[in-house]
Every structure is written in structure tokens, then in C-alpha cells.
Amino acid sequence: MAINKAMRLALKALSYPEADIKKLYKLQRSFEIVKTPFLLKPLLYKNWDHKVVSGGREITVRIYTPREKTRNDILLFFHGGGWVTESIDTYNTVCMNLADQTGCKTVSVEYRLAPENPFPCGLDDCYAVAKELYCNAESFHARPEDIVLVGDSAGGNLAAAVSLRARDEGAFTVARQILIYPALYNDYTDSSPFESVRENGKDYLLTARRICDYMELYMSSEEDLQNPYFAPLLSSDFTRQPKTLVITAEYDPLRDEGEAYAQRLKEAGSDAAVYRVEDALHGFFSLDPHYAQVQKAYELINDFLNGEEAE
């Protein structure tokens, strides 16, 4: 089945030419600033920036209140970008849409980026914000069980790692998480156990080479590749994990590892559901909600938040 041309063109507008990201990541960040649209839409929302202090550092979080709040849930969102690019500014529209489409207050985290701040710096920031939010949920007029971790791509990796670390350290309990085409493994060569790396690793917008480059920038040493907080699918223990929704894209090299993660959670006794969005590429969730694939993703997310099973 050929990928829908409209979807390919739309996602290409959000993408960058295949290049050596290890040399050009700073240039890509500058492109992101140019490509971040100035819209009147934010004026329709209540949003404000807040600081979380951890280890003497200030971590910026941006809080979005939807025009019509229909749920008490709070979505704690970690953005994608290979741990190296993107920001709360470039994800402004994504988070506004997320708040609007779900009726939930959404909290986006400006975690530190690699390679200037390699693993586990970004994870430490996400964990610190999660810990403060879970341990002080009443300040947001919520309960800890109302908080849902959400992340796409590298942000899905961070969400899964925060859940594992929360269980291991015991400071708080994550009740629910939504992982959108998450990066969860450590091998994107031809030796990968996942067929989607070979099927979709060259001809689509996110390539296997690009993922390898991002990982090299993110890791601080070769030992990180075996760390389950770096690659959550390597965990030896999937018990006591949150109720989980994994959304994958049909034409994505990360597809199979996301689906494998959901299966590992199920086998360990966790409540996990997985749904593959047909005719979709990596990054589709950043498109406007009028696209059928994005509409499907929000249908799945809303069903999950309502406690319903994915169909």
C-alpha cells in the first residue's frame, strides 16, 4: 500500500533534509525557530510559563488550559526531536491542540537537550517535573491519579523511562501513560530485531541513520546503550507499570519496537493497548487535527482517558 500523497507532503513540510545531524544539529535548531509559526490561535488559550527548581536548575514548563475544560486529567507532555532538537516553543501548537482536543490541562516540559547535556540530563529534568507534579497535585486541583504522562518519539522514550524510574525509586506512582511512536530500543542497524527498521528505515521521513545519529548525540558513553532508562525496551522488569496506550505509525522505523513494548507490558501483567495508525509516517501527530490520522490518534487518546478500550 502506497503512502497517501497528502500525508507525505504534509509531513515533509515538517521535516528536514537528510544530513549529518551530528554536524548540523545547531543549524536545524535555527530552522526550527524560523519554522515556528506566529499564530493568533494562542491568544484563544490561557497558557503561562512556570519554573520547577531541581538541583539548583530552573526547568521551564508551559501550562495550557483548554478553551473548554471537560476533564480533571492533567497531561504531562514531553516533546520529541531526538533528544537533540525541538522545544516547548516549536511544540506550542501541538500542545494547544492536545489541550483543546482532550479538554485537559496540558503541561509541556523544556528539558535540556543533547549533546550539550547528554543522557541522563533530559530524563532528569522530566523526572524532576513529574515528581513535583505528582507530589503536589493538589496545587493543580488534581489528584496524582489524574496525571497522565504523554510523549511522542524521543518524548515517548522519556515518558516510559520516567515511569520505570518512578517505580524503581518509589517517590511517586504513574497511573497512566500515552506513548506516541516512541523510541524505545538501541539498535537501528540491519541487525535490528525489528522488521520495521528495515522496511521503513530508508525511504521515509525518519531514517534509521538519523535515529543512530540522534542516539550518538544523546548518549554520554557506550554503556548508556544498555541502560533501560536510555532504551526502556531493555528493561528486565516490566511489572508495576502504568496503564498504557501506545500509538504507532504504519510507515515508521520505530513501529515494531513500540508494539513490542506494549506486548512486554501485557506479559508482565500491566494494562496496555496498542494501535497502529494506517497510512501514517513518523511525526504525523504534529499535523493539524483535520488529518484523518491525527483525528484517529485523538479518538484513541480520548477513549483511553475515558477508560474505554481502543478499537
Protein backbone atom coordinates (compact mmCIF):
# COMPACT_ATOMS: atom_id res chain seq x y z
CA MET A 1 0.00 0.00 0.00
CA ALA A 2 1.47 3.36 -1.05
CA ILE A 3 1.60 6.16 1.46
CA ASN A 4 -1.08 8.81 0.99
CA LYS A 5 0.42 11.69 -1.03
CA ALA A 6 -1.24 14.38 1.08
CA MET A 7 0.19 12.84 4.24
CA ARG A 8 3.67 12.60 2.72
CA LEU A 9 3.60 16.24 1.57
CA ALA A 10 2.27 17.48 4.91
CA LEU A 11 4.92 15.66 6.89
CA LYS A 12 7.65 16.74 4.50
CA ALA A 13 6.77 20.34 5.37
CA LEU A 14 7.64 19.49 8.98
CA SER A 15 10.83 17.62 8.14
CA TYR A 16 14.43 18.46 7.27
CA PRO A 17 16.74 17.21 4.52
CA GLU A 18 18.70 14.08 5.29
CA ALA A 19 22.04 15.34 6.53
CA ASP A 20 24.67 14.65 9.16
CA ILE A 21 22.69 15.72 12.23
CA LYS A 22 25.82 15.29 14.35
CA LYS A 23 27.36 18.25 12.48
CA LEU A 24 24.25 20.26 11.71
CA TYR A 25 22.02 19.97 14.80
CA LYS A 26 22.63 23.63 15.72
CA LEU A 27 21.62 24.71 12.24
CA GLN A 28 18.50 22.55 12.47
CA ARG A 29 17.58 24.26 15.74
CA SER A 30 17.81 27.63 13.98
CA PHE A 31 15.50 26.32 11.24
CA GLU A 32 13.01 25.32 13.91
CA ILE A 33 12.82 28.90 15.14
CA VAL A 34 12.08 30.11 11.60
CA LYS A 35 9.51 27.35 11.05
CA THR A 36 7.67 28.04 14.30
CA PRO A 37 4.59 29.86 13.06
CA PHE A 38 3.28 33.04 14.60
CA LEU A 39 -0.41 32.37 15.08
CA LEU A 40 -3.27 34.27 16.64
CA LYS A 41 -4.56 30.93 17.91
CA PRO A 42 -2.52 31.06 21.16
CA LEU A 43 -4.48 34.16 22.16
CA LEU A 44 -7.54 31.95 22.41
CA TYR A 45 -5.88 29.91 25.14
CA LYS A 46 -4.80 30.52 28.66
CA ASN A 47 -1.16 29.48 28.93
CA TRP A 48 1.64 30.50 31.23
CA ASP A 49 5.21 29.54 31.97
CA HIS A 50 6.25 28.16 35.35
CA LYS A 51 9.63 27.20 36.79
CA VAL A 52 10.48 23.95 38.52
CA VAL A 53 13.69 24.08 40.54
CA SER A 54 15.75 20.89 40.69
CA GLY A 55 19.37 20.57 41.74
CA GLY A 56 19.77 24.32 41.59
CA ARG A 57 18.47 24.43 37.99
CA GLU A 58 15.29 26.06 36.78
CA ILE A 59 13.24 23.94 34.39
CA THR A 60 10.64 25.83 32.38
CA VAL A 61 7.24 24.27 31.96
CA ARG A 62 4.41 25.73 29.88
CA ILE A 63 0.88 25.17 31.07
CA TYR A 64 -2.03 25.17 28.62
CA THR A 65 -5.62 25.47 29.77
CA PRO A 66 -8.09 24.49 27.04
CA ARG A 67 -10.86 26.81 25.97
CA GLU A 68 -13.33 24.26 27.30
CA LYS A 69 -12.04 22.17 30.21
CA THR A 70 -14.02 18.92 30.21
CA ARG A 71 -11.72 16.68 32.27
CA ASN A 72 -9.78 16.89 35.51
CA ASP A 73 -6.89 14.97 33.94
CA ILE A 74 -3.55 16.74 33.55
CA LEU A 75 -1.39 15.71 30.59
CA LEU A 76 2.33 15.99 31.37
CA PHE A 77 3.90 16.22 27.92
CA PHE A 78 7.49 15.56 26.78
CA HIS A 79 8.26 16.69 23.24
CA GLY A 80 10.08 14.76 20.53
CA GLY A 81 13.10 15.79 18.49
CA GLY A 82 15.62 13.01 19.06
CA TRP A 83 16.67 14.43 22.47
CA VAL A 84 18.63 16.99 20.42
CA THR A 85 16.17 19.37 18.74
CA GLU A 86 12.70 20.91 19.22
CA SER A 87 11.40 22.80 22.28
CA ILE A 88 8.26 23.88 24.08
CA ASP A 89 8.11 26.75 21.57
CA THR A 90 8.19 24.54 18.48
CA TYR A 91 5.61 22.25 20.12
CA ASN A 92 3.35 25.14 21.10
CA THR A 93 0.70 24.29 18.51
CA VAL A 94 0.88 20.57 19.28
CA CYS A 95 0.25 21.19 22.97
CA MET A 96 -2.51 23.71 22.30
CA ASN A 97 -4.20 21.14 20.07
CA LEU A 98 -3.68 18.45 22.71
CA ALA A 99 -5.35 20.60 25.36
CA ASP A 100 -8.18 21.59 23.02
CA GLN A 101 -8.88 18.12 21.61
CA THR A 102 -8.90 16.41 25.03
CA GLY A 103 -10.29 19.16 27.26
CA CYS A 104 -7.33 18.60 29.60
CA LYS A 105 -4.87 20.99 31.14
CA THR A 106 -1.53 20.20 29.48
CA VAL A 107 1.95 20.78 30.94
CA SER A 108 4.89 20.84 28.49
CA VAL A 109 8.49 20.46 29.74
CA GLU A 110 11.53 22.34 28.40
CA TYR A 111 14.06 19.65 29.23
CA ARG A 112 17.77 20.04 28.48
CA LEU A 113 18.94 18.90 25.05
CA ALA A 114 21.93 16.81 23.98
CA PRO A 115 24.75 16.83 23.06
CA GLU A 116 25.45 19.79 25.36
CA ASN A 117 23.51 17.94 28.04
CA PRO A 118 23.74 14.20 27.32
CA PHE A 119 21.87 11.33 28.97
CA PRO A 120 20.55 11.39 31.62
CA CYS A 121 20.18 15.20 31.78
CA GLY A 122 16.95 15.42 29.77
CA LEU A 123 15.49 12.49 31.67
CA ASP A 124 16.49 14.06 34.99
CA ASP A 125 14.57 17.22 34.08
CA CYS A 126 11.46 15.30 33.02
CA TYR A 127 11.61 13.19 36.17
CA ALA A 128 12.03 16.26 38.38
CA VAL A 129 8.95 17.93 36.88
CA ALA A 130 6.94 14.71 37.14
CA LYS A 131 7.95 14.27 40.77
CA GLU A 132 6.92 17.81 41.67
CA LEU A 133 3.60 17.49 39.85
CA TYR A 134 2.72 14.08 41.29
CA CYS A 135 3.78 15.00 44.80
CA ASN A 136 1.98 18.37 44.71
CA ALA A 137 -1.03 17.53 42.55
CA GLU A 138 -3.37 19.38 44.91
CA SER A 139 -1.78 22.69 43.84
CA PHE A 140 -3.25 21.98 40.40
CA HIS A 141 -6.60 21.00 41.94
CA ALA A 142 -5.95 17.39 40.91
CA ARG A 143 -5.10 14.02 42.35
CA PRO A 144 -1.92 12.08 41.42
CA GLU A 145 -4.04 9.52 39.58
CA ASP A 146 -5.39 12.32 37.36
CA ILE A 147 -1.92 12.92 35.88
CA VAL A 148 -1.09 11.21 32.56
CA LEU A 149 2.40 11.08 31.06
CA VAL A 150 2.40 11.77 27.31
CA GLY A 151 5.30 11.87 24.86
CA ASP A 152 5.98 11.50 21.17
CA SER A 153 9.10 9.90 19.66
CA ALA A 154 12.02 10.80 21.96
CA GLY A 155 9.40 12.23 24.31
CA GLY A 156 7.75 8.80 24.37
CA ASN A 157 11.12 7.37 25.36
CA LEU A 158 11.34 9.89 28.21
CA ALA A 159 7.79 9.14 29.39
CA ALA A 160 8.48 5.40 29.50
CA ALA A 161 11.79 6.00 31.30
CA VAL A 162 10.13 8.28 33.87
CA SER A 163 7.57 5.54 34.59
CA LEU A 164 10.28 2.91 35.06
CA ARG A 165 12.35 5.20 37.27
CA ALA A 166 9.32 6.23 39.35
CA ARG A 167 8.63 2.57 40.10
CA ASP A 168 12.29 1.87 40.90
CA GLU A 169 12.76 4.88 43.20
CA GLY A 170 9.31 4.77 44.76
CA ALA A 171 8.86 8.53 45.10
CA PHE A 172 5.56 8.58 43.19
CA THR A 173 3.35 6.29 41.13
CA VAL A 174 2.44 6.86 37.49
CA ALA A 175 -1.09 5.64 36.85
CA ARG A 176 -1.35 6.18 33.09
CA GLN A 177 0.90 6.94 30.13
CA ILE A 178 0.43 7.57 26.39
CA LEU A 179 3.41 6.79 24.16
CA ILE A 180 3.14 8.13 20.59
CA TYR A 181 5.51 6.36 18.16
CA PRO A 182 8.10 6.09 20.97
CA ALA A 183 11.83 5.37 20.55
CA LEU A 184 12.49 2.51 22.96
CA TYR A 185 15.37 0.39 21.66
CA ASN A 186 19.11 0.76 21.00
CA ASP A 187 19.80 -0.80 17.58
CA TYR A 188 18.74 0.71 14.24
CA THR A 189 21.21 -1.12 12.03
CA ASP A 190 20.35 -4.01 9.70
CA SER A 191 20.91 -6.25 12.74
CA SER A 192 17.85 -4.85 14.49
CA PRO A 193 15.34 -7.49 15.57
CA PHE A 194 12.55 -5.25 14.28
CA GLU A 195 11.47 -5.56 10.68
CA SER A 196 10.09 -2.02 10.61
CA VAL A 197 13.68 -0.69 10.78
CA ARG A 198 14.49 -2.45 7.50
CA GLU A 199 11.09 -1.79 5.91
CA ASN A 200 10.85 1.91 6.77
CA GLY A 201 14.38 2.98 7.66
CA LYS A 202 15.40 4.48 4.31
CA ASP A 203 12.52 5.69 2.20
CA TYR A 204 10.52 7.72 4.70
CA LEU A 205 10.99 10.93 6.64
CA LEU A 206 12.68 9.50 9.73
CA THR A 207 15.54 7.25 8.66
CA ALA A 208 17.45 4.61 10.60
CA ARG A 209 20.62 6.60 10.02
CA ARG A 210 19.06 9.68 11.58
CA ILE A 211 17.97 7.71 14.66
CA CYS A 212 21.50 6.35 15.09
CA ASP A 213 22.90 9.88 14.87
CA TYR A 214 20.45 11.13 17.46
CA MET A 215 21.37 8.31 19.84
CA GLU A 216 25.09 9.02 19.45
CA LEU A 217 24.45 12.65 20.37
CA TYR A 218 22.22 11.69 23.30
CA MET A 219 24.42 9.10 24.98
CA SER A 220 27.28 10.06 27.27
CA SER A 221 29.06 6.71 26.90
CA GLU A 222 28.67 3.35 25.15
CA GLU A 223 27.40 1.90 28.43
CA ASP A 224 24.25 4.02 28.08
CA LEU A 225 23.12 1.81 25.21
CA GLN A 226 22.42 -0.97 27.73
CA ASN A 227 20.66 1.25 30.26
CA PRO A 228 16.88 0.67 30.40
CA TYR A 229 16.34 4.36 31.17
CA PHE A 230 18.07 5.06 27.83
CA ALA A 231 16.32 2.24 25.95
CA PRO A 232 13.27 1.16 28.01
CA LEU A 233 12.69 -1.97 25.95
CA LEU A 234 15.87 -3.37 27.53
CA SER A 235 14.32 -3.39 30.99
CA SER A 236 14.41 -6.75 32.77
CA ASP A 237 11.29 -5.84 34.74
CA PHE A 238 8.05 -4.58 33.18
CA THR A 239 5.90 -5.14 36.25
CA ARG A 240 4.06 -2.37 38.12
CA GLN A 241 3.90 -0.12 35.11
CA PRO A 242 1.11 2.34 34.29
CA LYS A 243 -1.95 1.65 32.24
CA THR A 244 -0.52 2.37 28.80
CA LEU A 245 -1.65 3.37 25.33
CA VAL A 246 0.94 3.00 22.58
CA ILE A 247 0.17 4.62 19.22
CA THR A 248 2.42 3.65 16.30
CA ALA A 249 2.60 4.72 12.64
CA GLU A 250 2.48 2.23 9.77
CA TYR A 251 5.45 3.68 7.85
CA ASP A 252 7.78 4.32 10.78
CA PRO A 253 11.05 2.56 11.62
CA LEU A 254 10.04 2.80 15.30
CA ARG A 255 6.73 0.99 14.73
CA ASP A 256 7.65 -2.53 15.82
CA GLU A 257 9.52 -1.60 18.99
CA GLY A 258 6.55 0.43 20.24
CA GLU A 259 4.28 -2.54 19.63
CA ALA A 260 6.78 -4.87 21.29
CA TYR A 261 6.86 -2.61 24.35
CA ALA A 262 3.10 -2.83 24.74
CA GLN A 263 3.34 -6.61 24.46
CA ARG A 264 6.04 -6.77 27.17
CA LEU A 265 3.86 -4.71 29.48
CA LYS A 266 0.91 -7.03 28.85
CA GLU A 267 3.01 -10.13 29.51
CA ALA A 268 4.14 -8.59 32.83
CA GLY A 269 0.55 -8.04 33.90
CA SER A 270 0.14 -4.37 33.05
CA ASP A 271 -2.90 -2.98 31.25
CA ALA A 272 -1.55 -1.96 27.84
CA ALA A 273 -3.18 -1.29 24.49
CA VAL A 274 -1.50 -0.65 21.16
CA TYR A 275 -2.90 0.78 17.95
CA ARG A 276 -1.14 1.12 14.58
CA VAL A 277 -2.37 4.15 12.62
CA GLU A 278 -2.58 3.14 8.97
CA ASP A 279 -1.11 5.23 6.17
CA ALA A 280 0.85 7.35 8.67
CA LEU A 281 4.50 8.29 8.98
CA HIS A 282 6.60 9.20 11.98
CA GLY A 283 5.73 12.72 13.11
CA PHE A 284 2.11 12.71 11.95
CA PHE A 285 0.82 13.79 15.37
CA SER A 286 2.30 17.27 14.78
CA LEU A 287 -0.06 17.85 11.85
CA ASP A 288 -3.34 19.72 12.04
CA PRO A 289 -6.18 17.72 13.64
CA HIS A 290 -8.19 17.79 10.41
CA TYR A 291 -5.98 14.98 9.01
CA ALA A 292 -7.68 11.61 9.36
CA GLN A 293 -4.64 10.04 11.03
CA VAL A 294 -4.47 12.79 13.66
CA GLN A 295 -8.21 12.52 14.23
CA LYS A 296 -7.77 8.80 14.83
CA ALA A 297 -4.99 9.44 17.33
CA TYR A 298 -7.17 11.84 19.29
CA GLU A 299 -10.05 9.38 19.20
CA LEU A 300 -7.75 6.77 20.74
CA ILE A 301 -6.42 9.21 23.33
CA ASN A 302 -9.89 10.33 24.37
CA ASP A 303 -11.12 6.75 24.62
CA PHE A 304 -8.10 5.94 26.77
CA LEU A 305 -8.75 8.92 29.04
CA ASN A 306 -12.38 7.81 29.30
CA GLY A 307 -11.28 4.32 30.34
CA GLU A 308 -12.51 2.75 27.09
CA GLU A 309 -10.70 0.11 25.04
CA ALA A 310 -9.12 1.02 21.68
CA GLU A 311 -10.91 -0.33 18.63
